[in-house]
Protein backbone atom coordinates (compact mmCIF):
# COMPACT_ATOMS: atom_id res chain seq x y z
CA MET A 1 36.66 133.10 -29.98
CA THR A 2 38.13 129.75 -29.03
CA VAL A 3 35.72 126.96 -28.09
CA THR A 4 36.84 123.84 -26.23
CA LEU A 5 34.56 120.84 -25.71
CA THR A 6 35.58 118.00 -23.37
CA ALA A 7 33.72 114.72 -22.84
CA GLN A 8 33.22 113.73 -19.20
CA ASP A 9 32.48 110.02 -19.72
CA TRP A 10 35.44 109.14 -22.00
CA VAL A 11 38.75 110.65 -23.11
CA TRP A 12 37.93 113.16 -25.86
CA ASN A 13 38.18 116.89 -26.44
CA ASP A 14 38.14 119.30 -29.36
CA THR A 15 39.15 122.93 -29.71
CA PHE A 16 38.23 125.22 -32.59
CA THR A 17 38.24 128.94 -33.31
CA LEU A 18 35.39 131.08 -34.65
CA GLY A 19 35.99 134.46 -36.27
CA PRO A 20 33.65 137.47 -36.08
CA GLY A 21 30.24 136.61 -37.55
CA GLU A 22 31.25 133.00 -38.18
CA GLU A 23 28.88 130.09 -37.50
CA ARG A 24 29.75 126.41 -37.16
CA PRO A 25 27.44 123.40 -37.01
CA TYR A 26 28.82 120.70 -34.74
CA CYS A 27 27.63 117.17 -33.95
CA LEU A 28 28.25 115.52 -30.59
CA ASP A 29 27.59 111.98 -29.45
CA PRO A 30 25.16 111.65 -26.53
CA GLY A 31 26.93 112.21 -23.22
CA ARG A 32 28.13 114.75 -20.67
CA TYR A 33 30.48 117.54 -21.73
CA THR A 34 32.12 120.64 -20.36
CA PHE A 35 32.76 123.66 -22.56
CA THR A 36 34.96 126.72 -22.42
CA LEU A 37 34.28 129.83 -24.50
CA ASP A 38 37.35 132.07 -24.56
CA ALA A 39 37.11 135.46 -26.26
CA PRO A 40 39.92 137.99 -26.70
CA PRO A 41 40.09 141.16 -24.55
CA PRO A 42 38.11 143.11 -23.55
CA TRP A 43 35.90 140.03 -23.19
CA GLY A 44 36.82 137.01 -21.12
CA SER A 45 36.02 133.35 -20.85
CA THR A 46 33.20 131.28 -19.45
CA ASN A 47 32.83 127.60 -18.61
CA GLY A 48 29.78 125.39 -18.42
CA GLU A 49 28.37 121.90 -18.62
CA LEU A 50 26.25 120.37 -21.33
CA VAL A 51 24.30 117.09 -21.40
CA VAL A 52 23.54 115.83 -24.91
CA ASN A 53 20.79 113.27 -25.50
CA ALA A 54 20.09 111.57 -28.84
CA GLY A 55 18.20 113.99 -31.10
CA ASP A 56 19.05 117.12 -29.08
CA ARG A 57 19.76 120.38 -30.87
CA PHE A 58 21.41 123.38 -29.23
CA LEU A 59 22.07 126.93 -30.38
CA PHE A 60 24.64 129.16 -28.70
CA PRO A 61 24.01 132.67 -30.04
CA ILE A 62 26.96 134.68 -28.78
CA ARG A 63 27.08 138.35 -29.72
CA GLU A 64 29.13 141.35 -28.76
CA ARG A 65 27.46 143.72 -26.30
CA GLU A 66 27.06 147.27 -27.50
């Protein structure tokens, strides 16, 4: 799966890839972001928005449907 994070309040983005069963901790500065999660077929992609405040912690558990 490819993950793209883009800051909305300044010029910044990052893209990284996660393999099956892989986890990745990630730190973001406070601010507004958009994200794209793009998985290979037969899955697809999804987009969303994320607001990060100082001290926030988020978990995105993404698993294959059976």
